[in-house]
């Protein structure tokens, strides 16, 4: 993969960014003391049809505008407001009479004590269609679960000032299919065929949002694709991508009044490709103002200011673009609208005044074109599509995991060159906080323990099913006490790890104890399981000159 897809990414698409982006995990300690808290939580507004809901907070109604003005050199305190429920996304919008160039510095918090890094946004560059009421719309900022927002507003000159008609939309799109259910692996190697696509129904699109009074708000129109335009969403990188898509969809369709999501396709960090705009192949989207007809808009889900896309995302991007441009020369350029020579595969910034899709990803468009050309030539993905030994994503945010070896190094960042933070023993209980991030041919995850945090490669982690009763997960148990999911049948030759406490090795299914295996130990399945008393027993080889049978309730495949 080219250097920029392995290096920190730069500024974000569709935004005017002047400060560090929000990182959900890089929060700073800050209380509400000294902040201007204004107004009670607004009443929740359930969507007229569907499970996604939104609520609007209007500055003039809640706090007036005087607090936003600077007095001499005194910078005004930020304004803080509470969302009516944990919001998956927030977005500012303001009057079209405000001069272009206004910006808002914002941060969000789940508890009002720990805040995200500040992010400065301007008018959304992904304004593929006119906004409702002639207003100016900022981008939707996917927040995970935000209960508080604090912000300052600035005029076009960069001075603290009130923005005319400023309001905030809080969106809750948490209800619906989750990525653990619907995520599917994209094609292992991009090819000239149509890549697997997760449908609108599968990601939870509420199709009623496309209609008003029985009429379709944005009826489809069609045009042959002449160019593919690459975007990014500037949403959280490793949150549930389906929640992000539903949040963006609601913001585009309802808040902005478009009647649908603007992108034709979206891709996520797991390598999934998602159906965007309804209408099928060739439907005109709304992703680049003035350049929608005849273009295919593909959006990479996430923000890449200081983080790289995963190898899986790069592979999915190649697959989606290769299919959309299969009748075109991916290395060519041609006149388009008012542009004398627009590359077949280009970026949002090539057609509109925006920083999208970020400096580093923009620099890698040459790589993307070469990879698509390799697919068109029947060579599959080029040799740099991803590190040859990069592991596929194995864990999700919030997964309980444990180390599978002794002396596992916890590092400050992803990669073998990152400084060591600590050395972990086998079976150390951890929770996945971020990832995966590809480095040195490995998939790295940021994990958190009771008193530590850092990055570990997936090769040294295994999933753990927590006990329903913490007192129950004790050494020597072999069935019945763990709150486990329906067991996965492990085939002969599978390597599995012991989870949920020490596990006894028996001379047969439910037989006499011959040894004890520590939590985190690896075993090899040597035959077919047998059922005894509702428990599946597996014959195993411990690799330490001992064989026997163990309960499958305490095994997880590695």
Protein backbone atom coordinates (compact mmCIF):
# COMPACT_ATOMS: atom_id res chain seq x y z
CA UNK A 1 0.00 0.00 0.00
CA UNK A 2 1.34 3.48 -0.77
CA UNK A 3 3.02 5.47 1.93
CA UNK A 4 0.15 7.84 2.70
CA UNK A 5 -2.23 5.02 3.46
CA UNK A 6 0.22 3.86 6.10
CA UNK A 7 0.90 7.36 7.42
CA UNK A 8 -1.29 9.75 9.43
CA UNK A 9 -4.02 11.27 7.30
CA UNK A 10 -4.54 15.03 6.96
CA UNK A 11 -7.48 17.39 6.83
CA UNK A 12 -11.06 16.38 6.37
CA UNK A 13 -13.52 16.53 3.55
CA UNK A 14 -16.22 19.06 3.22
CA UNK A 15 -14.98 21.03 6.23
CA UNK A 16 -12.93 24.08 6.94
CA UNK A 17 -10.64 22.59 9.56
CA UNK A 18 -8.23 24.69 11.56
CA UNK A 19 -7.80 22.67 14.73
CA UNK A 20 -7.16 19.09 15.72
CA UNK A 21 -10.01 16.73 14.83
CA UNK A 22 -12.18 15.01 17.36
CA UNK A 23 -10.89 11.64 18.53
CA UNK A 24 -13.41 9.71 20.57
CA UNK A 25 -10.73 8.08 22.69
CA UNK A 26 -8.39 11.06 22.98
CA UNK A 27 -10.53 12.97 25.46
CA UNK A 28 -9.30 15.73 27.72
CA UNK A 29 -10.36 16.18 31.30
CA UNK A 30 -12.60 19.22 31.56
CA UNK A 31 -15.51 19.92 33.87
CA UNK A 32 -18.48 22.17 33.38
CA UNK A 33 -16.98 24.72 35.76
CA UNK A 34 -16.48 28.05 34.01
CA UNK A 35 -18.59 27.07 31.00
CA UNK A 36 -21.75 28.81 29.93
CA UNK A 37 -24.45 26.16 30.30
CA UNK A 38 -27.58 27.36 28.56
CA UNK A 39 -31.00 25.85 28.60
CA UNK A 40 -32.65 22.62 29.68
CA UNK A 41 -32.47 19.61 27.39
CA UNK A 42 -34.89 20.13 24.50
CA UNK A 43 -37.81 17.79 24.13
CA UNK A 44 -37.06 14.72 22.05
CA UNK A 45 -38.68 14.69 18.63
CA UNK A 46 -39.39 11.21 17.31
CA UNK A 47 -39.15 10.86 13.54
CA UNK A 48 -42.61 10.83 11.97
CA UNK A 49 -41.82 7.40 10.55
CA UNK A 50 -39.02 5.15 11.62
CA UNK A 51 -36.67 4.61 14.50
CA UNK A 52 -34.17 7.42 13.92
CA UNK A 53 -35.06 10.53 15.88
CA UNK A 54 -33.81 14.09 16.00
CA UNK A 55 -34.09 17.18 18.14
CA UNK A 56 -33.26 20.80 17.36
CA UNK A 57 -31.61 23.26 19.76
CA UNK A 58 -31.87 26.91 18.64
CA UNK A 59 -29.34 29.32 20.10
CA UNK A 60 -31.51 32.45 19.89
CA UNK A 61 -34.33 30.72 21.78
CA UNK A 62 -32.13 29.21 24.47
CA UNK A 63 -29.36 31.71 25.17
CA UNK A 64 -29.73 34.72 22.89
CA UNK A 65 -26.64 35.83 20.97
CA UNK A 66 -24.78 38.25 23.26
CA UNK A 67 -22.64 35.56 24.89
CA UNK A 68 -21.01 34.74 21.55
CA UNK A 69 -19.58 38.24 21.07
CA UNK A 70 -16.05 39.17 22.13
CA UNK A 71 -15.62 42.22 24.36
CA UNK A 72 -12.28 43.75 23.59
CA UNK A 73 -9.70 41.01 24.03
CA UNK A 74 -11.92 38.93 26.31
CA UNK A 75 -12.80 35.68 24.62
CA UNK A 76 -16.34 34.56 25.44
CA UNK A 77 -16.93 31.40 27.36
CA UNK A 78 -18.07 28.43 25.27
CA UNK A 79 -21.75 27.59 25.33
CA UNK A 80 -22.78 24.14 26.53
CA UNK A 81 -26.09 22.42 25.89
CA UNK A 82 -27.44 18.97 26.67
CA UNK A 83 -28.92 16.62 24.12
CA UNK A 84 -32.25 15.00 25.07
CA UNK A 85 -30.74 11.51 24.74
CA UNK A 86 -27.32 10.12 23.79
CA UNK A 87 -26.87 11.43 20.25
CA UNK A 88 -25.09 9.44 17.57
CA UNK A 89 -24.46 12.64 15.58
CA UNK A 90 -24.74 16.39 15.99
CA UNK A 91 -24.69 19.02 13.26
CA UNK A 92 -24.86 22.84 13.21
CA UNK A 93 -26.73 24.85 10.60
CA UNK A 94 -27.42 28.56 10.27
CA UNK A 95 -29.07 31.26 8.16
CA UNK A 96 -28.16 31.62 4.51
CA UNK A 97 -27.96 35.38 5.18
CA UNK A 98 -24.80 34.85 7.21
CA UNK A 99 -21.68 35.73 5.22
CA UNK A 100 -19.79 32.68 3.87
CA UNK A 101 -16.79 31.62 5.91
CA UNK A 102 -18.29 31.35 9.40
CA UNK A 103 -16.90 28.50 11.53
CA UNK A 104 -17.77 26.73 14.76
CA UNK A 105 -15.38 25.16 17.25
CA UNK A 106 -17.06 22.27 19.02
CA UNK A 107 -16.40 19.38 21.38
CA UNK A 108 -18.74 16.73 22.74
CA UNK A 109 -18.98 14.62 25.86
CA UNK A 110 -20.87 11.62 27.15
CA UNK A 111 -20.81 12.77 30.79
CA UNK A 112 -20.04 16.51 30.79
CA UNK A 113 -16.65 15.86 32.39
CA UNK A 114 -14.44 14.29 29.71
CA UNK A 115 -14.50 16.10 26.39
CA UNK A 116 -13.39 15.22 22.91
CA UNK A 117 -10.61 17.17 21.25
CA UNK A 118 -11.91 20.41 19.70
CA UNK A 119 -12.93 20.36 16.05
CA UNK A 120 -13.58 23.43 13.92
CA UNK A 121 -16.13 23.04 11.13
CA UNK A 122 -17.48 25.32 8.46
CA UNK A 123 -20.18 24.95 5.85
CA UNK A 124 -20.32 21.39 4.57
CA UNK A 125 -18.61 21.01 1.22
CA UNK A 126 -20.72 17.94 0.41
CA UNK A 127 -23.60 20.22 -0.55
CA UNK A 128 -24.75 18.22 -3.52
CA UNK A 129 -28.28 19.64 -3.37
CA UNK A 130 -29.82 22.91 -2.20
CA UNK A 131 -30.37 23.06 1.55
CA UNK A 132 -33.80 23.32 3.13
CA UNK A 133 -34.91 26.92 3.71
CA UNK A 134 -31.83 28.37 2.03
CA UNK A 135 -29.79 27.66 5.15
CA UNK A 136 -26.10 26.86 5.41
CA UNK A 137 -25.37 23.42 6.81
CA UNK A 138 -22.32 22.16 8.64
CA UNK A 139 -21.34 18.50 8.40
CA UNK A 140 -22.86 15.80 10.59
CA UNK A 141 -20.33 14.95 13.30
CA UNK A 142 -20.83 11.33 14.35
CA UNK A 143 -20.13 11.31 18.07
CA UNK A 144 -20.82 7.81 19.30
CA UNK A 145 -23.00 8.66 22.33
CA UNK A 146 -22.89 12.40 23.07
CA UNK A 147 -24.98 13.87 25.88
CA UNK A 148 -23.38 17.35 25.88
CA UNK A 149 -22.04 19.71 23.22
CA UNK A 150 -19.97 22.82 23.85
CA UNK A 151 -19.05 25.32 21.18
CA UNK A 152 -17.84 28.77 20.17
CA UNK A 153 -18.77 30.48 16.90
CA UNK A 154 -16.58 32.69 14.70
CA UNK A 155 -17.35 35.01 11.80
CA UNK A 156 -15.68 34.92 8.38
CA UNK A 157 -12.82 37.05 9.75
CA UNK A 158 -12.11 34.47 12.46
CA UNK A 159 -13.37 36.69 15.27
CA UNK A 160 -15.66 35.29 18.02
CA UNK A 161 -19.15 36.30 16.96
CA UNK A 162 -22.73 35.17 16.85
CA UNK A 163 -23.78 33.30 13.70
CA UNK A 164 -27.16 34.35 12.43
CA UNK A 165 -29.84 31.74 13.04
CA UNK A 166 -27.48 29.13 14.51
CA UNK A 167 -29.17 25.87 15.48
CA UNK A 168 -27.99 22.35 16.30
CA UNK A 169 -29.48 19.08 15.18
CA UNK A 170 -29.03 16.09 17.52
CA UNK A 171 -29.64 12.75 15.80
CA UNK A 172 -30.10 9.35 17.40
CA UNK A 173 -29.71 6.54 14.87
CA UNK A 174 -28.64 3.85 17.32
CA UNK A 175 -31.75 1.72 16.84
CA UNK A 176 -31.46 -0.59 13.85
CA UNK A 177 -29.26 -3.34 12.46
CA UNK A 178 -25.79 -3.48 14.00
CA UNK A 179 -22.54 -4.15 12.21
CA UNK A 180 -22.01 -7.35 14.19
CA UNK A 181 -25.09 -8.74 12.48
CA UNK A 182 -24.85 -7.38 8.96
CA UNK A 183 -21.15 -6.83 8.30
CA UNK A 184 -19.94 -9.01 5.49
CA UNK A 185 -16.45 -9.52 4.16
CA UNK A 186 -15.77 -7.69 0.89
CA UNK A 187 -14.20 -9.57 -2.00
CA UNK A 188 -10.81 -10.85 -0.85
CA UNK A 189 -9.25 -9.51 -4.07
CA UNK A 190 -10.98 -6.74 -6.05
CA UNK A 191 -11.98 -7.99 -9.48
CA UNK A 192 -13.88 -6.77 -12.49
CA UNK A 193 -17.08 -8.16 -10.98
CA UNK A 194 -19.54 -6.19 -8.90
CA UNK A 195 -18.26 -6.35 -5.29
CA UNK A 196 -20.57 -7.57 -2.52
CA UNK A 197 -22.78 -4.66 -1.46
CA UNK A 198 -24.67 -4.30 1.83
CA UNK A 199 -28.14 -3.17 0.82
CA UNK A 200 -30.11 -0.24 2.19
CA UNK A 201 -32.44 -2.67 3.95
CA UNK A 202 -29.48 -4.39 5.61
CA UNK A 203 -27.99 -1.17 7.02
CA UNK A 204 -31.40 -0.02 8.22
CA UNK A 205 -32.53 2.67 5.78
CA UNK A 206 -36.00 3.94 6.69
CA UNK A 207 -37.41 4.28 3.18
CA UNK A 208 -40.34 6.40 4.42
CA UNK A 209 -37.90 9.28 4.88
CA UNK A 210 -37.71 9.59 1.09
CA UNK A 211 -41.38 10.58 0.87
CA UNK A 212 -43.57 13.51 1.94
CA UNK A 213 -47.35 13.46 1.62
CA UNK A 214 -47.08 10.35 -0.54
CA UNK A 215 -44.67 11.94 -3.04
CA UNK A 216 -41.02 11.03 -3.48
CA UNK A 217 -38.96 14.06 -2.43
CA UNK A 218 -36.03 13.35 -4.75
CA UNK A 219 -37.12 11.14 -7.67
CA UNK A 220 -34.21 9.31 -9.30
CA UNK A 221 -32.65 10.51 -12.53
CA UNK A 222 -29.96 8.70 -14.44
CA UNK A 223 -26.82 9.48 -16.40
CA UNK A 224 -23.85 7.44 -17.66
CA UNK A 225 -20.91 7.56 -15.26
CA UNK A 226 -17.95 9.52 -16.66
CA UNK A 227 -15.99 10.07 -13.42
CA UNK A 228 -15.73 8.66 -9.89
CA UNK A 229 -15.38 11.22 -7.09
CA UNK A 230 -13.79 10.11 -3.80
CA UNK A 231 -15.07 11.61 -0.53
CA UNK A 232 -14.76 10.97 3.17
CA UNK A 233 -17.50 11.45 5.74
CA UNK A 234 -15.50 13.05 8.57
CA UNK A 235 -17.21 10.75 11.04
CA UNK A 236 -15.65 8.68 13.82
CA UNK A 237 -13.35 6.04 12.34
CA UNK A 238 -14.19 2.99 14.42
CA UNK A 239 -17.75 3.47 15.59
CA UNK A 240 -20.44 1.16 14.24
CA UNK A 241 -20.48 2.07 10.51
CA UNK A 242 -24.20 1.32 10.22
CA UNK A 243 -24.99 3.90 12.90
CA UNK A 244 -22.81 6.40 11.02
CA UNK A 245 -24.60 5.71 7.73
CA UNK A 246 -28.06 6.00 9.31
CA UNK A 247 -27.02 9.29 10.94
CA UNK A 248 -25.75 10.70 7.64
CA UNK A 249 -28.84 9.43 5.83
CA UNK A 250 -31.21 11.12 8.26
CA UNK A 251 -29.23 14.37 8.13
CA UNK A 252 -29.22 14.44 4.33
CA UNK A 253 -32.78 13.20 3.85
CA UNK A 254 -34.65 15.01 6.62
CA UNK A 255 -32.61 17.78 8.21
CA UNK A 256 -31.28 19.10 4.91
CA UNK A 257 -34.46 18.13 3.10
CA UNK A 258 -32.86 16.21 0.24
CA UNK A 259 -34.98 13.09 0.60
CA UNK A 260 -32.06 10.63 0.50
CA UNK A 261 -28.39 10.16 1.24
CA UNK A 262 -26.15 11.91 -1.28
CA UNK A 263 -23.44 9.28 -1.88
CA UNK A 264 -23.82 6.43 -4.38
CA UNK A 265 -21.66 4.06 -2.33
CA UNK A 266 -19.93 4.07 1.05
CA UNK A 267 -17.08 1.89 2.34
CA UNK A 268 -16.06 1.18 5.93
CA UNK A 269 -12.94 0.17 7.84
CA UNK A 270 -13.96 -3.50 7.77
CA UNK A 271 -13.86 -3.58 3.96
CA UNK A 272 -17.63 -3.50 3.45
CA UNK A 273 -19.27 -1.67 0.55
CA UNK A 274 -22.71 -0.14 1.21
CA UNK A 275 -25.53 0.91 -1.10
CA UNK A 276 -26.11 4.64 -0.84
CA UNK A 277 -28.56 6.65 -2.93
CA UNK A 278 -31.69 4.67 -3.85
CA UNK A 279 -32.33 3.93 -7.50
CA UNK A 280 -29.68 1.48 -8.60
CA UNK A 281 -26.78 1.79 -10.99
CA UNK A 282 -26.33 5.11 -12.78
CA UNK A 283 -28.62 7.05 -10.43
CA UNK A 284 -27.50 10.66 -9.97
CA UNK A 285 -26.37 11.38 -6.42
CA UNK A 286 -25.93 14.58 -4.45
CA UNK A 287 -22.31 14.67 -3.33
CA UNK A 288 -20.57 17.44 -5.33
CA UNK A 289 -22.52 20.61 -6.12
CA UNK A 290 -22.65 21.27 -9.86
CA UNK A 291 -20.94 17.97 -10.71
CA UNK A 292 -23.42 15.30 -9.70
CA UNK A 293 -24.75 14.37 -13.14
CA UNK A 294 -22.37 11.88 -14.69
CA UNK A 295 -20.34 11.14 -11.55
CA UNK A 296 -20.23 8.27 -9.07
CA UNK A 297 -19.75 9.48 -5.48
CA UNK A 298 -18.02 7.03 -3.13
CA UNK A 299 -17.54 7.97 0.52
CA UNK A 300 -14.97 6.46 2.87
CA UNK A 301 -16.55 6.39 6.34
CA UNK A 302 -14.32 8.09 8.87
CA UNK A 303 -11.99 11.02 9.35
CA UNK A 304 -8.36 10.62 8.47
CA UNK A 305 -6.57 13.66 9.84
CA UNK A 306 -4.12 11.66 11.92
CA UNK A 307 -5.22 8.10 11.22
CA UNK A 308 -4.85 5.96 8.14
CA UNK A 309 -7.57 4.00 6.37
CA UNK A 310 -7.35 0.30 7.09
CA UNK A 311 -6.04 -1.99 4.34
CA UNK A 312 -9.57 -3.41 4.14
CA UNK A 313 -11.01 0.04 3.44
CA UNK A 314 -8.46 0.62 0.68
CA UNK A 315 -9.33 -2.73 -0.87
CA UNK A 316 -13.08 -1.96 -0.75
CA UNK A 317 -12.50 1.47 -2.30
CA UNK A 318 -10.63 -0.15 -5.20
CA UNK A 319 -13.43 -2.68 -5.69
CA UNK A 320 -16.24 -0.10 -5.66
CA UNK A 321 -14.49 2.33 -7.99
CA UNK A 322 -13.33 -0.44 -10.36
CA UNK A 323 -16.92 -1.58 -10.85
CA UNK A 324 -18.32 1.94 -11.32
CA UNK A 325 -15.66 2.88 -13.91
CA UNK A 326 -15.38 -0.50 -15.64
CA UNK A 327 -16.25 1.06 -19.03
CA UNK A 328 -13.71 3.88 -18.61
CA UNK A 329 -9.96 4.34 -18.69
CA UNK A 330 -9.02 4.83 -15.02
CA UNK A 331 -5.73 6.52 -15.98
CA UNK A 332 -7.27 9.05 -18.37
CA UNK A 333 -8.77 12.52 -18.00
CA UNK A 334 -11.41 14.28 -20.06
CA UNK A 335 -13.34 17.57 -20.19
CA UNK A 336 -16.25 17.63 -17.76
CA UNK A 337 -18.66 20.51 -17.18
CA UNK A 338 -16.43 23.59 -16.85
CA UNK A 339 -13.21 21.61 -16.17
CA UNK A 340 -10.86 21.19 -19.13
CA UNK A 341 -9.33 17.93 -17.96
CA UNK A 342 -10.83 16.00 -15.04
CA UNK A 343 -9.27 12.60 -14.18
CA UNK A 344 -11.61 9.63 -14.47
CA UNK A 345 -10.95 8.99 -10.77
CA UNK A 346 -10.75 12.25 -8.86
CA UNK A 347 -11.41 13.77 -5.46
CA UNK A 348 -14.10 16.08 -4.22
CA UNK A 349 -11.58 18.92 -4.00
CA UNK A 350 -10.97 18.61 -7.75
CA UNK A 351 -14.46 19.92 -8.47
CA UNK A 352 -15.49 21.97 -5.40
CA UNK A 353 -13.59 24.30 -3.02
CA UNK A 354 -13.09 21.82 -0.18
CA UNK A 355 -10.28 19.90 1.51
CA UNK A 356 -12.09 16.56 0.96
CA UNK A 357 -10.88 13.80 1.07
CA UNK A 358 -7.81 14.96 3.02
CA UNK A 359 -4.29 15.69 1.84
CA UNK A 360 -2.84 12.21 2.34
CA UNK A 361 -5.69 10.33 0.67
CA UNK A 362 -5.68 12.87 -2.14
CA UNK A 363 -1.98 12.21 -2.66
CA UNK A 364 -2.78 8.51 -3.05
CA UNK A 365 -5.27 8.90 -5.89
CA UNK A 366 -2.47 7.88 -8.24
CA UNK A 367 -2.23 4.59 -6.35
CA UNK A 368 -6.00 4.15 -6.54
CA UNK A 369 -5.97 4.70 -10.32
CA UNK A 370 -3.19 2.16 -10.79
CA UNK A 371 -5.03 -0.42 -8.68
CA UNK A 372 -8.27 0.09 -10.61
CA UNK A 373 -6.32 -0.18 -13.87
CA UNK A 374 -4.88 -3.50 -12.67
CA UNK A 375 -8.40 -4.75 -12.01
CA UNK A 376 -9.56 -3.59 -15.45
CA UNK A 377 -6.62 -5.43 -17.03
CA UNK A 378 -7.66 -8.63 -15.31
CA UNK A 379 -4.70 -8.66 -12.94
CA UNK A 380 -6.79 -8.29 -9.77
CA UNK A 381 -5.53 -5.79 -7.24
CA UNK A 382 -2.01 -4.50 -7.67
CA UNK A 383 0.81 -5.69 -5.46
CA UNK A 384 0.48 -2.70 -3.16
CA UNK A 385 -3.23 -3.12 -2.43
CA UNK A 386 -2.40 -4.01 1.18
CA UNK A 387 0.43 -5.61 3.14
CA UNK A 388 0.58 -9.25 2.10
CA UNK A 389 0.28 -10.59 5.63
CA UNK A 390 -2.17 -8.04 7.03
CA UNK A 391 -4.69 -9.78 9.28
CA UNK A 392 -8.42 -9.18 8.63
CA UNK A 393 -10.44 -7.37 11.30
CA UNK A 394 -11.22 -9.72 14.16
CA UNK A 395 -12.67 -7.54 16.91
CA UNK A 396 -15.12 -4.67 17.30
CA UNK A 397 -15.12 -1.67 19.63
CA UNK A 398 -16.18 -2.83 23.11
CA UNK A 399 -15.22 -6.48 22.64
CA UNK A 400 -13.78 -8.21 25.70
CA UNK A 401 -10.44 -9.81 24.85
CA UNK A 402 -7.51 -11.42 26.62
CA UNK A 403 -3.85 -11.89 25.80
CA UNK A 404 -2.93 -15.31 24.46
CA UNK A 405 0.76 -15.43 25.33
CA UNK A 406 3.12 -14.54 28.14
CA UNK A 407 5.11 -11.29 27.93
CA UNK A 408 2.85 -9.55 25.39
CA UNK A 409 4.13 -6.03 24.73
CA UNK A 410 1.62 -3.19 25.13
CA UNK A 411 2.73 -0.27 22.92
CA UNK A 412 2.06 3.47 22.73
CA UNK A 413 0.90 3.19 19.14
CA UNK A 414 0.25 0.65 16.39
CA UNK A 415 3.42 -0.92 15.00
CA UNK A 416 6.49 -2.73 16.21
CA UNK A 417 8.47 0.52 16.31
CA UNK A 418 6.12 2.13 18.88
CA UNK A 419 7.48 2.47 22.40
CA UNK A 420 6.59 -0.24 24.90
CA UNK A 421 4.18 0.76 27.67
CA UNK A 422 4.05 -2.49 29.64
CA UNK A 423 4.47 -6.24 29.40
CA UNK A 424 1.25 -8.20 29.86
CA UNK A 425 0.90 -11.73 31.22
CA UNK A 426 -1.12 -14.41 29.51
CA UNK A 427 -4.87 -14.05 30.03
CA UNK A 428 -4.78 -10.29 30.81
CA UNK A 429 -8.44 -9.07 30.54
CA UNK A 430 -8.84 -6.09 28.20
CA UNK A 431 -11.48 -4.21 26.21
CA UNK A 432 -11.05 -3.09 22.58
CA UNK A 433 -11.15 0.71 22.30
CA UNK A 434 -10.02 1.35 18.70
CA UNK A 435 -8.83 -0.45 15.62
CA UNK A 436 -7.89 -2.18 13.53
CA UNK A 437 -4.96 -0.16 12.22
CA UNK A 438 -2.57 -1.88 9.83
CA UNK A 439 1.16 -1.62 10.54
CA UNK A 440 4.08 -3.99 9.91
CA UNK A 441 1.74 -6.47 8.28
CA UNK A 442 -0.34 -6.82 11.45
CA UNK A 443 -3.76 -5.59 12.56
CA UNK A 444 -3.37 -3.52 15.75
CA UNK A 445 -6.01 -2.71 18.33
CA UNK A 446 -6.00 -0.13 21.08
CA UNK A 447 -7.07 -1.89 24.28
CA UNK A 448 -7.88 -0.72 27.78
CA UNK A 449 -7.44 -2.57 31.06
CA UNK A 450 -8.20 -1.72 34.67
CA UNK A 451 -5.16 0.56 34.96
CA UNK A 452 -3.49 0.62 31.54
CA UNK A 453 -4.11 1.29 27.85
CA UNK A 454 -2.15 0.81 24.66
CA UNK A 455 -1.90 -1.08 21.38
CA UNK A 456 -1.58 -4.85 20.85
CA UNK A 457 -1.50 -6.84 17.61
CA UNK A 458 -4.48 -9.11 16.97
CA UNK A 459 -2.15 -12.11 16.84
CA UNK A 460 -1.81 -11.90 20.64
CA UNK A 461 -5.50 -11.38 21.48
CA UNK A 462 -8.50 -13.66 21.71
CA UNK A 463 -12.18 -12.87 22.25
CA UNK A 464 -13.58 -13.54 25.73
CA UNK A 465 -17.20 -14.02 26.74
CA UNK A 466 -17.67 -12.32 30.14
CA UNK A 467 -19.24 -14.27 32.97
CA UNK A 468 -22.79 -13.33 33.95
CA UNK A 469 -21.67 -13.46 37.57
CA UNK A 470 -18.05 -12.34 38.16
CA UNK A 471 -17.89 -14.70 41.11
CA UNK A 472 -18.67 -17.64 38.81
CA UNK A 473 -15.64 -17.42 36.51
CA UNK A 474 -13.26 -19.25 38.81
CA UNK A 475 -10.59 -21.85 38.20
CA UNK A 476 -11.49 -25.49 37.73
CA UNK A 477 -15.01 -24.96 36.33
CA UNK A 478 -15.96 -26.78 33.18
CA UNK A 479 -19.53 -25.93 32.32
CA UNK A 480 -22.69 -24.05 33.12
CA UNK A 481 -21.45 -20.91 34.86
CA UNK A 482 -20.58 -18.66 31.93
CA UNK A 483 -23.13 -16.52 30.11
CA UNK A 484 -21.99 -17.72 26.69
CA UNK A 485 -23.42 -17.35 23.23
CA UNK A 486 -24.54 -20.36 21.24
CA UNK A 487 -21.33 -22.40 20.93
CA UNK A 488 -19.44 -22.41 17.64
CA UNK A 489 -18.59 -25.90 16.43
CA UNK A 490 -14.81 -26.18 16.28
CA UNK A 491 -13.42 -28.37 13.54
CA UNK A 492 -10.54 -30.80 13.78
CA UNK A 493 -7.22 -28.97 13.55
CA UNK A 494 -8.63 -25.71 14.97
CA UNK A 495 -6.46 -23.85 17.46
CA UNK A 496 -8.49 -22.57 20.41
CA UNK A 497 -7.77 -20.59 23.56
CA UNK A 498 -9.05 -21.21 27.08
CA UNK A 499 -11.31 -18.41 28.33
CA UNK A 500 -13.39 -17.70 31.42
CA UNK A 501 -10.93 -19.04 33.99
CA UNK A 502 -8.72 -22.11 34.40
CA UNK A 503 -10.10 -25.21 32.69
CA UNK A 504 -9.78 -28.85 33.70
CA UNK A 505 -8.56 -31.48 31.24
CA UNK A 506 -10.40 -34.81 31.58
CA UNK A 507 -9.72 -38.33 30.36
CA UNK A 508 -13.02 -38.41 28.46
CA UNK A 509 -16.22 -36.38 27.99
CA UNK A 510 -17.20 -35.55 31.59
CA UNK A 511 -14.56 -38.00 32.86
CA UNK A 512 -11.83 -37.89 35.47
CA UNK A 513 -9.60 -34.82 35.86
CA UNK A 514 -6.07 -35.36 34.54
CA UNK A 515 -4.72 -31.78 34.42
CA UNK A 516 -5.61 -28.07 34.69
CA UNK A 517 -5.14 -25.62 31.81
CA UNK A 518 -4.60 -21.93 32.65
CA UNK A 519 -6.79 -19.24 31.13
CA UNK A 520 -5.30 -18.12 27.81
CA UNK A 521 -3.64 -21.48 27.10
CA UNK A 522 -3.87 -22.71 23.50
CA UNK A 523 -4.99 -26.20 22.52
CA UNK A 524 -5.50 -28.00 19.21
CA UNK A 525 -8.79 -29.75 18.48
CA UNK A 526 -7.90 -33.32 17.50
CA UNK A 527 -11.29 -34.79 16.60
CA UNK A 528 -15.07 -34.42 16.57
CA UNK A 529 -16.88 -33.19 19.70
CA UNK A 530 -19.21 -35.35 21.75
CA UNK A 531 -22.25 -34.17 23.70
CA UNK A 532 -22.70 -35.08 27.38
CA UNK A 533 -25.32 -33.46 29.61
CA UNK A 534 -25.88 -30.51 27.29
CA UNK A 535 -22.16 -29.76 26.98
CA UNK A 536 -19.99 -30.28 23.90
CA UNK A 537 -16.71 -31.94 24.84
CA UNK A 538 -13.68 -31.69 22.55
CA UNK A 539 -10.61 -33.93 22.32
CA UNK A 540 -7.54 -31.69 22.50
CA UNK A 541 -3.77 -31.75 22.42
CA UNK A 542 -2.20 -29.22 24.77
CA UNK A 543 1.19 -29.33 23.06
CA UNK A 544 2.74 -30.12 26.44
CA UNK A 545 2.75 -33.91 26.20
CA UNK A 546 -0.82 -34.14 27.47
CA UNK A 547 -4.09 -34.91 25.71
CA UNK A 548 -7.65 -35.17 26.93
CA UNK A 549 -11.13 -33.71 26.72
CA UNK A 550 -12.35 -30.20 27.63
CA UNK A 551 -15.67 -28.39 27.68
CA UNK A 552 -16.30 -26.35 24.52
CA UNK A 553 -18.04 -23.68 26.63
CA UNK A 554 -14.60 -22.42 27.59
CA UNK A 555 -12.92 -22.48 24.19
CA UNK A 556 -12.72 -19.71 21.62
CA UNK A 557 -11.10 -20.17 18.20
CA UNK A 558 -7.84 -18.27 17.71
